[in-house]
Amino acid sequence: MRDPRTLEDYSEADVTVGHQKEYAAGVKAVAVSMKRALGHMGPKRSAQTLVKLNQADGFDCMSCAWPDPELGHRHTAEFCENGAKAVAEEATTAGAPPEFFAANSIAALDGHSEWWLGQQGRITQPLVKRPGATHYTPIEWDEAFALIADELKALGSPDEATFYTSGRASNESAFA
C-alpha cells in the first residue's frame, strides 16, 4: 500500500539544505530503496524488477549508467538507492485512470510538480487534448494512432518530424 503522504505535493520554498551526511549507502539506503519499491510495485514485482536492473540480460537504470556490460561480472544488487527509487516509480502498479484526468484540469495539473504528477501513477490509456478543451479526455488506441498518422502525413517533409526517445525516459515523457 502506498503511503498517502507521498501523494502530497511539495514546494521548493520548503526545501532546506542541511549538514552533509557521512554515508551514501549501506543499510539505510537498502531499507529506503526496498520501502519505495514495495510501496510502488509490491513484493513479487519488486523482486522481478530489481534483479534485472543493470544486468546484462536486464535493463539499464534510467537515472545513471553505472554498470558496463563489457566488464563482465555483475553483482545481484548492481544499483544505487536513487536508481532503485527511479525504477520503482516507473514500474509502479498505480494507475492514473481517465477519472483522474476528468477531475483535474490541465491548468490544475500544470500547477503541480513533476514529482507529484509521477506519484499519481501511470497513464492507463491514450488521452487527447481537444482544441479549446480544459481537460485531457480518453480515446481508443485506433483513434490515437490515426491522430498521429494524420499529423505525420500532413508534414511537407519527413525532415519536419522530430522524435524524442530514450531508454532512460518514461513512456509519458517520450509521448509528450
N, C-alpha and C. Protein backbone atom coordinates (compact mmCIF):
# COMPACT_ATOMS: atom_id res chain seq x y z
N MET A 1 0.85 -1.18 0.00
CA MET A 1 0.00 0.00 0.00
C MET A 1 0.89 1.24 0.00
N ARG A 2 0.61 2.17 -0.89
CA ARG A 2 1.40 3.40 -0.97
C ARG A 2 1.07 4.31 0.19
N ASP A 3 2.08 4.98 0.68
CA ASP A 3 1.94 5.93 1.78
C ASP A 3 1.19 7.15 1.25
N PRO A 4 0.01 7.50 1.80
CA PRO A 4 -0.75 8.64 1.27
C PRO A 4 0.01 9.96 1.38
N ARG A 5 0.99 10.04 2.27
CA ARG A 5 1.74 11.29 2.37
C ARG A 5 2.56 11.55 1.11
N THR A 6 2.91 10.49 0.36
CA THR A 6 3.70 10.68 -0.84
C THR A 6 2.88 11.31 -1.96
N LEU A 7 1.58 11.38 -1.79
CA LEU A 7 0.74 11.98 -2.81
C LEU A 7 0.62 13.49 -2.64
N GLU A 8 1.11 13.99 -1.51
CA GLU A 8 1.08 15.44 -1.30
C GLU A 8 2.18 16.08 -2.13
N ASP A 9 1.93 17.26 -2.64
CA ASP A 9 2.93 17.97 -3.42
C ASP A 9 3.87 18.67 -2.46
N TYR A 10 4.92 19.20 -2.96
CA TYR A 10 5.87 19.95 -2.14
C TYR A 10 6.13 21.29 -2.80
N SER A 11 6.67 22.19 -2.04
CA SER A 11 7.07 23.49 -2.56
C SER A 11 8.57 23.60 -2.44
N GLU A 12 9.25 24.02 -3.49
CA GLU A 12 10.69 24.17 -3.42
C GLU A 12 11.09 25.19 -2.37
N ALA A 13 10.18 26.08 -2.01
CA ALA A 13 10.47 27.06 -0.96
C ALA A 13 10.64 26.37 0.39
N ASP A 14 10.07 25.17 0.54
CA ASP A 14 10.17 24.43 1.80
C ASP A 14 11.42 23.55 1.89
N VAL A 15 12.18 23.47 0.80
CA VAL A 15 13.35 22.62 0.77
C VAL A 15 14.51 23.34 1.46
N THR A 16 15.17 22.62 2.35
CA THR A 16 16.34 23.19 3.03
C THR A 16 17.53 22.26 2.84
N VAL A 17 18.69 22.83 2.90
CA VAL A 17 19.92 22.06 2.79
C VAL A 17 20.53 22.00 4.17
N GLY A 18 20.77 20.79 4.62
CA GLY A 18 21.33 20.59 5.96
C GLY A 18 22.76 20.11 5.89
N HIS A 19 23.26 19.65 7.01
CA HIS A 19 24.62 19.16 7.11
C HIS A 19 24.79 17.91 6.24
N GLN A 20 25.91 17.82 5.58
CA GLN A 20 26.22 16.68 4.72
C GLN A 20 26.26 15.40 5.54
N LYS A 21 25.60 14.38 5.05
CA LYS A 21 25.62 13.09 5.73
C LYS A 21 26.98 12.43 5.53
N GLU A 22 27.31 11.53 6.41
CA GLU A 22 28.60 10.86 6.33
C GLU A 22 28.48 9.49 5.66
N TYR A 23 27.34 9.21 5.05
CA TYR A 23 27.17 7.94 4.37
C TYR A 23 26.35 8.18 3.11
N ALA A 24 26.51 7.30 2.15
CA ALA A 24 25.75 7.40 0.90
C ALA A 24 25.14 6.07 0.51
N ALA A 25 25.37 5.07 1.31
CA ALA A 25 24.82 3.75 1.02
C ALA A 25 24.69 2.99 2.33
N GLY A 26 24.59 1.71 2.23
CA GLY A 26 24.52 0.90 3.44
C GLY A 26 23.11 0.47 3.76
N VAL A 27 22.93 0.08 5.01
CA VAL A 27 21.66 -0.48 5.47
C VAL A 27 20.51 0.50 5.26
N LYS A 28 20.72 1.78 5.61
CA LYS A 28 19.64 2.76 5.46
C LYS A 28 19.23 2.91 3.99
N ALA A 29 20.20 2.97 3.09
CA ALA A 29 19.89 3.09 1.66
C ALA A 29 19.11 1.88 1.16
N VAL A 30 19.50 0.70 1.60
CA VAL A 30 18.79 -0.52 1.21
C VAL A 30 17.36 -0.48 1.74
N ALA A 31 17.20 -0.07 3.00
CA ALA A 31 15.86 -0.02 3.61
C ALA A 31 14.97 0.98 2.87
N VAL A 32 15.49 2.14 2.56
CA VAL A 32 14.71 3.16 1.84
C VAL A 32 14.35 2.66 0.45
N SER A 33 15.31 2.05 -0.24
CA SER A 33 15.06 1.51 -1.59
C SER A 33 13.97 0.46 -1.57
N MET A 34 14.05 -0.46 -0.62
CA MET A 34 13.07 -1.53 -0.54
C MET A 34 11.69 -1.00 -0.16
N LYS A 35 11.64 -0.05 0.77
CA LYS A 35 10.35 0.52 1.15
C LYS A 35 9.69 1.17 -0.06
N ARG A 36 10.46 1.93 -0.83
CA ARG A 36 9.91 2.59 -2.02
C ARG A 36 9.48 1.56 -3.06
N ALA A 37 10.32 0.56 -3.30
CA ALA A 37 9.99 -0.46 -4.29
C ALA A 37 8.73 -1.23 -3.89
N LEU A 38 8.67 -1.67 -2.65
CA LEU A 38 7.50 -2.42 -2.19
C LEU A 38 6.24 -1.57 -2.25
N GLY A 39 6.35 -0.29 -1.92
CA GLY A 39 5.20 0.60 -1.96
C GLY A 39 4.66 0.83 -3.36
N HIS A 40 5.56 0.88 -4.34
CA HIS A 40 5.14 1.13 -5.73
C HIS A 40 4.80 -0.16 -6.48
N MET A 41 5.57 -1.22 -6.21
CA MET A 41 5.46 -2.40 -7.06
C MET A 41 4.96 -3.65 -6.36
N GLY A 42 4.98 -3.68 -5.03
CA GLY A 42 4.63 -4.89 -4.31
C GLY A 42 5.82 -5.85 -4.28
N PRO A 43 5.74 -6.91 -3.46
CA PRO A 43 6.89 -7.80 -3.27
C PRO A 43 7.34 -8.55 -4.53
N LYS A 44 6.42 -9.17 -5.22
CA LYS A 44 6.79 -10.00 -6.37
C LYS A 44 7.39 -9.16 -7.49
N ARG A 45 6.71 -8.08 -7.85
CA ARG A 45 7.20 -7.23 -8.94
C ARG A 45 8.52 -6.55 -8.56
N SER A 46 8.69 -6.18 -7.28
CA SER A 46 9.95 -5.59 -6.82
C SER A 46 11.10 -6.57 -7.06
N ALA A 47 10.91 -7.81 -6.63
CA ALA A 47 11.96 -8.82 -6.80
C ALA A 47 12.25 -9.06 -8.28
N GLN A 48 11.21 -9.22 -9.09
CA GLN A 48 11.40 -9.48 -10.51
C GLN A 48 12.08 -8.32 -11.22
N THR A 49 11.77 -7.10 -10.81
CA THR A 49 12.31 -5.92 -11.49
C THR A 49 13.73 -5.61 -11.03
N LEU A 50 13.95 -5.54 -9.73
CA LEU A 50 15.26 -5.14 -9.23
C LEU A 50 16.35 -6.16 -9.56
N VAL A 51 16.01 -7.43 -9.68
CA VAL A 51 17.01 -8.44 -10.03
C VAL A 51 17.48 -8.27 -11.48
N LYS A 52 16.73 -7.57 -12.30
CA LYS A 52 17.08 -7.33 -13.71
C LYS A 52 17.75 -5.96 -13.92
N LEU A 53 17.70 -5.11 -12.90
CA LEU A 53 18.24 -3.75 -13.01
C LEU A 53 19.75 -3.76 -13.15
N ASN A 54 20.24 -3.16 -14.23
CA ASN A 54 21.67 -3.05 -14.54
C ASN A 54 22.35 -4.40 -14.73
N GLN A 55 21.60 -5.36 -15.24
CA GLN A 55 22.14 -6.68 -15.54
C GLN A 55 22.26 -6.84 -17.04
N ALA A 56 23.22 -7.65 -17.48
CA ALA A 56 23.45 -7.85 -18.91
C ALA A 56 22.20 -8.36 -19.62
N ASP A 57 21.40 -9.20 -18.95
CA ASP A 57 20.18 -9.73 -19.55
C ASP A 57 18.94 -8.96 -19.10
N GLY A 58 19.15 -7.80 -18.50
CA GLY A 58 18.04 -6.99 -17.99
C GLY A 58 17.98 -5.64 -18.67
N PHE A 59 17.91 -4.60 -17.87
CA PHE A 59 17.79 -3.24 -18.42
C PHE A 59 18.65 -2.29 -17.60
N ASP A 60 19.05 -1.19 -18.23
CA ASP A 60 19.88 -0.19 -17.57
C ASP A 60 19.03 0.78 -16.78
N CYS A 61 19.58 1.24 -15.70
CA CYS A 61 18.92 2.22 -14.84
C CYS A 61 18.70 3.52 -15.61
N MET A 62 17.54 4.11 -15.44
CA MET A 62 17.25 5.37 -16.13
C MET A 62 17.85 6.57 -15.41
N SER A 63 18.38 6.38 -14.21
CA SER A 63 18.94 7.53 -13.51
C SER A 63 20.46 7.59 -13.62
N CYS A 64 21.09 6.56 -14.16
CA CYS A 64 22.54 6.60 -14.33
C CYS A 64 22.96 5.57 -15.37
N ALA A 65 24.23 5.50 -15.57
CA ALA A 65 24.78 4.48 -16.46
C ALA A 65 25.87 3.74 -15.71
N TRP A 66 25.58 3.31 -14.50
CA TRP A 66 26.57 2.73 -13.60
C TRP A 66 27.34 1.56 -14.20
N PRO A 67 26.71 0.45 -14.51
CA PRO A 67 27.49 -0.72 -14.93
C PRO A 67 27.84 -0.67 -16.41
N ASP A 68 28.82 -1.43 -16.76
CA ASP A 68 29.24 -1.56 -18.15
C ASP A 68 29.22 -3.04 -18.50
N PRO A 69 28.35 -3.46 -19.41
CA PRO A 69 28.25 -4.88 -19.72
C PRO A 69 29.56 -5.47 -20.24
N GLU A 70 30.44 -4.64 -20.78
CA GLU A 70 31.70 -5.14 -21.31
C GLU A 70 32.64 -5.61 -20.20
N LEU A 71 32.40 -5.19 -18.96
CA LEU A 71 33.30 -5.52 -17.87
C LEU A 71 33.08 -6.92 -17.30
N GLY A 72 32.04 -7.58 -17.72
CA GLY A 72 31.83 -8.95 -17.28
C GLY A 72 30.96 -9.11 -16.06
N HIS A 73 31.52 -9.59 -14.98
CA HIS A 73 30.75 -9.95 -13.78
C HIS A 73 29.96 -8.77 -13.21
N ARG A 74 28.74 -9.06 -12.84
CA ARG A 74 27.91 -8.07 -12.16
C ARG A 74 27.41 -8.66 -10.86
N HIS A 75 27.16 -7.80 -9.92
CA HIS A 75 26.60 -8.22 -8.64
C HIS A 75 25.09 -8.24 -8.73
N THR A 76 24.45 -8.97 -7.82
CA THR A 76 22.99 -9.06 -7.82
C THR A 76 22.35 -7.70 -7.63
N ALA A 77 22.86 -6.93 -6.69
CA ALA A 77 22.32 -5.58 -6.44
C ALA A 77 23.28 -4.57 -7.06
N GLU A 78 23.16 -4.39 -8.36
CA GLU A 78 24.06 -3.52 -9.13
C GLU A 78 23.37 -2.18 -9.39
N PHE A 79 22.94 -1.54 -8.30
CA PHE A 79 22.24 -0.27 -8.43
C PHE A 79 22.33 0.49 -7.12
N CYS A 80 22.06 1.78 -7.21
CA CYS A 80 22.10 2.63 -6.01
C CYS A 80 20.67 2.92 -5.54
N GLU A 81 20.57 3.60 -4.43
CA GLU A 81 19.27 3.95 -3.87
C GLU A 81 18.43 4.75 -4.86
N ASN A 82 19.03 5.77 -5.49
CA ASN A 82 18.27 6.59 -6.43
C ASN A 82 17.81 5.79 -7.64
N GLY A 83 18.65 4.87 -8.10
CA GLY A 83 18.24 4.02 -9.23
C GLY A 83 17.06 3.14 -8.86
N ALA A 84 17.11 2.54 -7.68
CA ALA A 84 16.00 1.69 -7.23
C ALA A 84 14.72 2.51 -7.10
N LYS A 85 14.84 3.73 -6.58
CA LYS A 85 13.64 4.58 -6.43
C LYS A 85 13.09 5.00 -7.79
N ALA A 86 13.98 5.30 -8.75
CA ALA A 86 13.52 5.70 -10.10
C ALA A 86 12.81 4.54 -10.78
N VAL A 87 13.37 3.36 -10.68
CA VAL A 87 12.75 2.18 -11.29
C VAL A 87 11.41 1.89 -10.63
N ALA A 88 11.35 2.02 -9.31
CA ALA A 88 10.11 1.75 -8.59
C ALA A 88 9.00 2.69 -9.06
N GLU A 89 9.32 3.95 -9.27
CA GLU A 89 8.29 4.89 -9.74
C GLU A 89 7.85 4.54 -11.16
N GLU A 90 8.80 4.17 -12.02
CA GLU A 90 8.46 3.82 -13.40
C GLU A 90 7.62 2.55 -13.47
N ALA A 91 7.93 1.59 -12.61
CA ALA A 91 7.26 0.28 -12.66
C ALA A 91 6.08 0.20 -11.68
N THR A 92 5.62 1.33 -11.23
CA THR A 92 4.53 1.34 -10.25
C THR A 92 3.30 0.61 -10.78
N THR A 93 2.58 0.02 -9.87
CA THR A 93 1.32 -0.62 -10.25
C THR A 93 0.16 0.37 -10.16
N ALA A 94 0.44 1.56 -9.64
CA ALA A 94 -0.60 2.59 -9.55
C ALA A 94 -0.90 3.15 -10.93
N GLY A 95 -2.16 3.41 -11.17
CA GLY A 95 -2.55 3.95 -12.46
C GLY A 95 -3.31 5.26 -12.31
N ALA A 96 -3.14 6.12 -13.30
CA ALA A 96 -3.90 7.37 -13.37
C ALA A 96 -4.98 7.16 -14.43
N PRO A 97 -6.17 6.72 -14.01
CA PRO A 97 -7.23 6.39 -14.97
C PRO A 97 -7.91 7.65 -15.52
N PRO A 98 -8.79 7.48 -16.50
CA PRO A 98 -9.49 8.63 -17.08
C PRO A 98 -10.19 9.50 -16.04
N GLU A 99 -10.68 8.90 -14.96
CA GLU A 99 -11.37 9.68 -13.92
C GLU A 99 -10.43 10.70 -13.26
N PHE A 100 -9.15 10.36 -13.17
CA PHE A 100 -8.17 11.29 -12.62
C PHE A 100 -8.08 12.54 -13.50
N PHE A 101 -8.06 12.33 -14.81
CA PHE A 101 -7.94 13.46 -15.73
C PHE A 101 -9.25 14.23 -15.85
N ALA A 102 -10.37 13.57 -15.65
CA ALA A 102 -11.66 14.27 -15.63
C ALA A 102 -11.75 15.18 -14.42
N ALA A 103 -11.15 14.77 -13.32
CA ALA A 103 -11.21 15.55 -12.08
C ALA A 103 -10.14 16.64 -11.99
N ASN A 104 -9.15 16.59 -12.87
CA ASN A 104 -8.03 17.54 -12.82
C ASN A 104 -7.84 18.21 -14.16
N SER A 105 -8.06 19.50 -14.20
CA SER A 105 -7.87 20.24 -15.45
C SER A 105 -6.39 20.30 -15.80
N ILE A 106 -6.09 20.63 -17.05
CA ILE A 106 -4.70 20.78 -17.47
C ILE A 106 -4.04 21.89 -16.67
N ALA A 107 -4.74 22.97 -16.41
CA ALA A 107 -4.19 24.06 -15.61
C ALA A 107 -3.87 23.59 -14.18
N ALA A 108 -4.75 22.77 -13.60
CA ALA A 108 -4.51 22.25 -12.25
C ALA A 108 -3.29 21.32 -12.26
N LEU A 109 -3.18 20.47 -13.26
CA LEU A 109 -2.04 19.57 -13.35
C LEU A 109 -0.75 20.36 -13.53
N ASP A 110 -0.81 21.41 -14.31
CA ASP A 110 0.36 22.26 -14.54
C ASP A 110 0.84 22.94 -13.26
N GLY A 111 -0.04 23.09 -12.30
CA GLY A 111 0.31 23.72 -11.04
C GLY A 111 1.04 22.81 -10.07
N HIS A 112 1.19 21.54 -10.44
CA HIS A 112 1.88 20.57 -9.58
C HIS A 112 3.29 20.31 -10.09
N SER A 113 4.11 19.78 -9.22
CA SER A 113 5.48 19.44 -9.59
C SER A 113 5.49 18.14 -10.40
N GLU A 114 6.58 17.94 -11.12
CA GLU A 114 6.75 16.70 -11.87
C GLU A 114 6.74 15.51 -10.92
N TRP A 115 7.34 15.69 -9.74
CA TRP A 115 7.37 14.61 -8.74
C TRP A 115 5.94 14.22 -8.36
N TRP A 116 5.11 15.21 -8.05
CA TRP A 116 3.72 14.93 -7.66
C TRP A 116 3.00 14.20 -8.77
N LEU A 117 3.16 14.68 -10.00
CA LEU A 117 2.50 14.03 -11.13
C LEU A 117 2.93 12.57 -11.24
N GLY A 118 4.21 12.30 -11.05
CA GLY A 118 4.70 10.93 -11.11
C GLY A 118 4.10 10.05 -10.04
N GLN A 119 3.79 10.62 -8.88
CA GLN A 119 3.22 9.84 -7.78
C GLN A 119 1.77 9.45 -8.04
N GLN A 120 1.12 10.03 -9.01
CA GLN A 120 -0.28 9.72 -9.29
C GLN A 120 -0.45 8.41 -10.02
N GLY A 121 0.63 7.88 -10.61
CA GLY A 121 0.56 6.60 -11.31
C GLY A 121 0.73 6.79 -12.80
N ARG A 122 0.76 5.67 -13.49
CA ARG A 122 0.96 5.66 -14.94
C ARG A 122 -0.36 5.87 -15.65
N ILE A 123 -0.30 6.52 -16.78
CA ILE A 123 -1.48 6.72 -17.63
C ILE A 123 -1.97 5.34 -18.06
N THR A 124 -3.27 5.11 -17.94
CA THR A 124 -3.81 3.77 -18.21
C THR A 124 -4.38 3.60 -19.61
N GLN A 125 -4.54 4.69 -20.35
CA GLN A 125 -4.99 4.59 -21.73
C GLN A 125 -4.66 5.89 -22.44
N PRO A 126 -4.72 5.91 -23.78
CA PRO A 126 -4.39 7.13 -24.51
C PRO A 126 -5.35 8.27 -24.13
N LEU A 127 -4.79 9.47 -24.14
CA LEU A 127 -5.55 10.68 -23.84
C LEU A 127 -5.28 11.71 -24.93
N VAL A 128 -6.20 12.65 -25.07
CA VAL A 128 -6.03 13.71 -26.05
C VAL A 128 -6.53 15.02 -25.45
N LYS A 129 -5.92 16.10 -25.87
CA LYS A 129 -6.45 17.43 -25.53
C LYS A 129 -7.07 17.96 -26.82
N ARG A 130 -8.37 18.07 -26.79
CA ARG A 130 -9.09 18.60 -27.96
C ARG A 130 -8.95 20.12 -28.01
N PRO A 131 -9.03 20.72 -29.19
CA PRO A 131 -8.93 22.18 -29.28
C PRO A 131 -9.94 22.86 -28.35
N GLY A 132 -9.46 23.79 -27.55
CA GLY A 132 -10.31 24.54 -26.63
C GLY A 132 -10.65 23.82 -25.33
N ALA A 133 -10.24 22.56 -25.22
CA ALA A 133 -10.58 21.78 -24.02
C ALA A 133 -9.72 22.20 -22.83
N THR A 134 -10.25 22.01 -21.65
CA THR A 134 -9.51 22.32 -20.42
C THR A 134 -9.00 21.05 -19.73
N HIS A 135 -9.43 19.88 -20.23
CA HIS A 135 -9.04 18.59 -19.66
C HIS A 135 -8.60 17.64 -20.76
N TYR A 136 -7.73 16.71 -20.40
CA TYR A 136 -7.42 15.60 -21.30
C TYR A 136 -8.61 14.65 -21.25
N THR A 137 -8.92 14.04 -22.40
CA THR A 137 -10.01 13.07 -22.45
C THR A 137 -9.50 11.76 -23.02
N PRO A 138 -10.06 10.65 -22.58
CA PRO A 138 -9.61 9.35 -23.08
C PRO A 138 -10.06 9.11 -24.51
N ILE A 139 -9.22 8.40 -25.26
CA ILE A 139 -9.57 7.97 -26.61
C ILE A 139 -9.11 6.53 -26.76
N GLU A 140 -9.60 5.88 -27.77
CA GLU A 140 -9.20 4.50 -28.06
C GLU A 140 -7.87 4.50 -28.80
N TRP A 141 -7.16 3.38 -28.75
CA TRP A 141 -5.87 3.28 -29.40
C TRP A 141 -5.96 3.56 -30.89
N ASP A 142 -6.97 3.04 -31.56
CA ASP A 142 -7.09 3.26 -33.01
C ASP A 142 -7.18 4.75 -33.33
N GLU A 143 -7.93 5.49 -32.52
CA GLU A 143 -8.05 6.92 -32.75
C GLU A 143 -6.73 7.64 -32.46
N ALA A 144 -6.04 7.21 -31.42
CA ALA A 144 -4.74 7.82 -31.09
C ALA A 144 -3.76 7.63 -32.24
N PHE A 145 -3.67 6.40 -32.75
CA PHE A 145 -2.76 6.14 -33.87
C PHE A 145 -3.19 6.92 -35.11
N ALA A 146 -4.49 7.04 -35.35
CA ALA A 146 -4.97 7.79 -36.51
C ALA A 146 -4.61 9.27 -36.39
N LEU A 147 -4.74 9.85 -35.19
CA LEU A 147 -4.36 11.26 -34.99
C LEU A 147 -2.87 11.47 -35.27
N ILE A 148 -2.06 10.56 -34.78
CA ILE A 148 -0.61 10.66 -35.01
C ILE A 148 -0.30 10.52 -36.50
N ALA A 149 -0.92 9.55 -37.15
CA ALA A 149 -0.70 9.33 -38.58
C ALA A 149 -1.12 10.56 -39.38
N ASP A 150 -2.25 11.16 -39.05
CA ASP A 150 -2.70 12.36 -39.76
C ASP A 150 -1.69 13.50 -39.63
N GLU A 151 -1.16 13.68 -38.43
CA GLU A 151 -0.16 14.74 -38.23
C GLU A 151 1.10 14.47 -39.04
N LEU A 152 1.55 13.23 -39.04
CA LEU A 152 2.76 12.90 -39.79
C LEU A 152 2.53 13.03 -41.30
N LYS A 153 1.37 12.60 -41.78
CA LYS A 153 1.07 12.71 -43.21
C LYS A 153 0.95 14.16 -43.66
N ALA A 154 0.56 15.05 -42.75
CA ALA A 154 0.38 16.45 -43.09
C ALA A 154 1.70 17.22 -43.21
N LEU A 155 2.79 16.62 -42.78
CA LEU A 155 4.09 17.29 -42.87
C LEU A 155 4.52 17.41 -44.33
N GLY A 156 5.21 18.49 -44.64
CA GLY A 156 5.70 18.68 -46.01
C GLY A 156 6.87 17.78 -46.34
N SER A 157 7.61 17.35 -45.31
CA SER A 157 8.79 16.53 -45.50
C SER A 157 9.02 15.71 -44.22
N PRO A 158 9.59 14.53 -44.36
CA PRO A 158 9.93 13.76 -43.16
C PRO A 158 10.91 14.51 -42.25
N ASP A 159 11.68 15.44 -42.83
CA ASP A 159 12.63 16.22 -42.04
C ASP A 159 11.94 17.16 -41.06
N GLU A 160 10.64 17.36 -41.21
CA GLU A 160 9.90 18.23 -40.29
C GLU A 160 9.49 17.50 -39.01
N ALA A 161 9.68 16.20 -38.97
CA ALA A 161 9.30 15.42 -37.78
C ALA A 161 10.51 15.29 -36.85
N THR A 162 10.25 15.46 -35.58
CA THR A 162 11.28 15.29 -34.56
C THR A 162 10.73 14.32 -33.53
N PHE A 163 11.55 13.35 -33.15
CA PHE A 163 11.13 12.36 -32.17
C PHE A 163 12.10 12.36 -31.01
N TYR A 164 11.58 12.16 -29.84
CA TYR A 164 12.40 12.05 -28.64
C TYR A 164 12.17 10.69 -28.03
N THR A 165 13.22 9.96 -27.81
CA THR A 165 13.07 8.68 -27.14
C THR A 165 14.36 8.37 -26.39
N SER A 166 14.23 7.61 -25.36
CA SER A 166 15.38 7.23 -24.57
C SER A 166 15.02 6.05 -23.70
N GLY A 167 15.95 5.14 -23.53
CA GLY A 167 15.75 4.02 -22.62
C GLY A 167 15.73 4.49 -21.17
N ARG A 168 16.10 5.74 -20.94
CA ARG A 168 16.14 6.30 -19.60
C ARG A 168 14.98 7.27 -19.35
N ALA A 169 14.02 7.28 -20.23
CA ALA A 169 12.86 8.17 -20.08
C ALA A 169 11.59 7.34 -20.00
N SER A 170 10.61 7.88 -19.28
CA SER A 170 9.33 7.18 -19.17
C SER A 170 8.59 7.26 -20.50
N ASN A 171 7.61 6.39 -20.67
CA ASN A 171 6.78 6.44 -21.87
C ASN A 171 6.07 7.78 -21.98
N GLU A 172 5.61 8.30 -20.83
CA GLU A 172 4.90 9.58 -20.85
C GLU A 172 5.80 10.69 -21.38
N SER A 173 7.06 10.71 -20.97
CA SER A 173 8.00 11.72 -21.47
C SER A 173 8.21 11.56 -22.96
N ALA A 174 8.37 10.33 -23.42
CA ALA A 174 8.59 10.08 -24.85
C ALA A 174 7.38 10.50 -25.67
N PHE A 175 6.16 10.21 -25.18
CA PHE A 175 4.96 10.55 -25.94
C PHE A 175 4.69 12.05 -25.95
N ALA A 176 5.17 12.76 -24.92
CA ALA A 176 4.96 14.21 -24.89
C ALA A 176 5.72 14.86 -26.02
